[in-house]
């Protein structure tokens, strides 16, 4: 049975994602830059845009693959981040 795995680095400079087969060989990898808004000493990014870009990357990694073969998605991140969400999402 074919097995697929995805690893995602939720970076502060780039979002990186890779698709691996059951022997953990890279089948495909993608990277997308994170865009920031800077004002004074505050640095922010648009959380919705970040998630949208991540979803696009995952979709691209799985394009042409049997989605039922996906066994795990693993996430990692090194920077301190805070995403505040109000009642309306």
C-alpha atoms as a PDB file:
ATOM      1  CA  UNK A   1       0.000   0.000   0.000  1.00  0.00           C
ATOM      2  CA  UNK A   2       1.309   3.441  -0.940  1.00  0.00           C
ATOM      3  CA  UNK A   3       1.894   5.787   2.001  1.00  0.00           C
ATOM      4  CA  UNK A   4       2.425   9.537   1.876  1.00  0.00           C
ATOM      5  CA  UNK A   5       3.573  11.970   4.558  1.00  0.00           C
ATOM      6  CA  UNK A   6       3.813  15.768   4.617  1.00  0.00           C
ATOM      7  CA  UNK A   7       6.207  17.851   6.691  1.00  0.00           C
ATOM      8  CA  UNK A   8       5.538  21.583   7.139  1.00  0.00           C
ATOM      9  CA  UNK A   9       7.853  24.245   8.563  1.00  0.00           C
ATOM     10  CA  UNK A  10       5.704  27.185   9.653  1.00  0.00           C
ATOM     11  CA  UNK A  11       8.532  29.650   9.256  1.00  0.00           C
ATOM     12  CA  UNK A  12       8.698  33.342   9.912  1.00  0.00           C
ATOM     13  CA  UNK A  13      10.546  33.987   6.630  1.00  0.00           C
ATOM     14  CA  UNK A  14       9.088  31.209   4.461  1.00  0.00           C
ATOM     15  CA  UNK A  15       6.470  28.495   4.770  1.00  0.00           C
ATOM     16  CA  UNK A  16       8.088  25.276   3.595  1.00  0.00           C
ATOM     17  CA  UNK A  17       6.341  21.975   2.905  1.00  0.00           C
ATOM     18  CA  UNK A  18       7.482  18.636   1.520  1.00  0.00           C
ATOM     19  CA  UNK A  19       5.730  15.458   0.413  1.00  0.00           C
ATOM     20  CA  UNK A  20       7.435  12.152   1.290  1.00  0.00           C
ATOM     21  CA  UNK A  21       6.784   8.572   0.276  1.00  0.00           C
ATOM     22  CA  UNK A  22       6.689   5.619   2.710  1.00  0.00           C
ATOM     23  CA  UNK A  23      10.502   5.398   2.653  1.00  0.00           C
ATOM     24  CA  UNK A  24      10.648   9.128   3.562  1.00  0.00           C
ATOM     25  CA  UNK A  25      12.136  10.125   0.229  1.00  0.00           C
ATOM     26  CA  UNK A  26      11.134  13.612  -0.901  1.00  0.00           C
ATOM     27  CA  UNK A  27       8.670  13.501  -3.779  1.00  0.00           C
ATOM     28  CA  UNK A  28       8.131  17.263  -3.960  1.00  0.00           C
ATOM     29  CA  UNK A  29       8.909  20.356  -1.892  1.00  0.00           C
ATOM     30  CA  UNK A  30       7.534  23.900  -1.949  1.00  0.00           C
ATOM     31  CA  UNK A  31       8.358  27.216  -0.313  1.00  0.00           C
ATOM     32  CA  UNK A  32       6.357  30.427  -0.060  1.00  0.00           C
ATOM     33  CA  UNK A  33       7.613  33.727   1.410  1.00  0.00           C
ATOM     34  CA  UNK A  34       5.840  35.270   4.388  1.00  0.00           C
ATOM     35  CA  UNK A  35       4.960  38.929   3.869  1.00  0.00           C
ATOM     36  CA  UNK A  36       4.991  41.280   6.847  1.00  0.00           C
ATOM     37  CA  UNK A  37       3.547  44.645   7.701  1.00  0.00           C
ATOM     38  CA  UNK A  38       5.962  46.716   9.783  1.00  0.00           C
ATOM     39  CA  UNK A  39       4.965  49.788  11.754  1.00  0.00           C
ATOM     40  CA  UNK A  40       7.225  51.253  14.388  1.00  0.00           C
ATOM     41  CA  UNK A  41       8.517  48.369  16.504  1.00  0.00           C
ATOM     42  CA  UNK A  42       5.588  46.079  15.616  1.00  0.00           C
ATOM     43  CA  UNK A  43       5.844  43.380  12.970  1.00  0.00           C
ATOM     44  CA  UNK A  44       2.671  41.581  11.897  1.00  0.00           C
ATOM     45  CA  UNK A  45       1.539  39.210   9.205  1.00  0.00           C
ATOM     46  CA  UNK A  46      -1.935  38.480   7.932  1.00  0.00           C
ATOM     47  CA  UNK A  47      -2.914  35.156   9.563  1.00  0.00           C
ATOM     48  CA  UNK A  48      -5.654  34.528   6.978  1.00  0.00           C
ATOM     49  CA  UNK A  49      -3.178  34.995   4.110  1.00  0.00           C
ATOM     50  CA  UNK A  50      -0.664  32.735   5.888  1.00  0.00           C
ATOM     51  CA  UNK A  51      -3.259  29.944   6.247  1.00  0.00           C
ATOM     52  CA  UNK A  52      -4.515  30.428   2.698  1.00  0.00           C
ATOM     53  CA  UNK A  53      -0.986  30.098   1.312  1.00  0.00           C
ATOM     54  CA  UNK A  54      -0.408  26.980   3.417  1.00  0.00           C
ATOM     55  CA  UNK A  55      -3.657  25.414   2.149  1.00  0.00           C
ATOM     56  CA  UNK A  56      -2.632  26.145  -1.455  1.00  0.00           C
ATOM     57  CA  UNK A  57       0.735  24.510  -0.858  1.00  0.00           C
ATOM     58  CA  UNK A  58      -0.832  21.383   0.640  1.00  0.00           C
ATOM     59  CA  UNK A  59      -3.249  21.148  -2.273  1.00  0.00           C
ATOM     60  CA  UNK A  60      -0.358  21.477  -4.737  1.00  0.00           C
ATOM     61  CA  UNK A  61       1.658  18.774  -2.954  1.00  0.00           C
ATOM     62  CA  UNK A  62      -1.258  16.361  -3.186  1.00  0.00           C
ATOM     63  CA  UNK A  63      -2.181  17.190  -6.795  1.00  0.00           C
ATOM     64  CA  UNK A  64      -2.141  13.927  -8.760  1.00  0.00           C
ATOM     65  CA  UNK A  65      -1.673  11.846  -5.592  1.00  0.00           C
ATOM     66  CA  UNK A  66      -4.079   9.421  -3.950  1.00  0.00           C
ATOM     67  CA  UNK A  67      -5.237  11.490  -0.973  1.00  0.00           C
ATOM     68  CA  UNK A  68      -6.297   8.357   0.913  1.00  0.00           C
ATOM     69  CA  UNK A  69      -2.587   7.390   1.050  1.00  0.00           C
ATOM     70  CA  UNK A  70      -1.807  10.427   3.253  1.00  0.00           C
ATOM     71  CA  UNK A  71      -0.923   9.103   6.704  1.00  0.00           C
ATOM     72  CA  UNK A  72       0.311  12.159   8.562  1.00  0.00           C
ATOM     73  CA  UNK A  73       0.978  15.880   8.358  1.00  0.00           C
ATOM     74  CA  UNK A  74       3.627  17.114  10.775  1.00  0.00           C
ATOM     75  CA  UNK A  75       4.121  20.806  11.640  1.00  0.00           C
ATOM     76  CA  UNK A  76       7.044  22.634  13.186  1.00  0.00           C
ATOM     77  CA  UNK A  77       7.748  26.279  13.905  1.00  0.00           C
ATOM     78  CA  UNK A  78      10.589  28.059  15.702  1.00  0.00           C
ATOM     79  CA  UNK A  79       9.496  31.668  16.079  1.00  0.00           C
ATOM     80  CA  UNK A  80       7.208  33.004  18.742  1.00  0.00           C
ATOM     81  CA  UNK A  81       3.868  33.788  17.145  1.00  0.00           C
ATOM     82  CA  UNK A  82       0.484  34.874  18.396  1.00  0.00           C
ATOM     83  CA  UNK A  83      -2.674  34.803  16.304  1.00  0.00           C
ATOM     84  CA  UNK A  84      -5.586  36.615  17.938  1.00  0.00           C
ATOM     85  CA  UNK A  85      -9.056  35.682  16.731  1.00  0.00           C
ATOM     86  CA  UNK A  86     -12.233  37.523  17.692  1.00  0.00           C
ATOM     87  CA  UNK A  87     -15.738  36.095  18.071  1.00  0.00           C
ATOM     88  CA  UNK A  88     -16.369  36.525  14.354  1.00  0.00           C
ATOM     89  CA  UNK A  89     -13.312  34.394  13.493  1.00  0.00           C
END
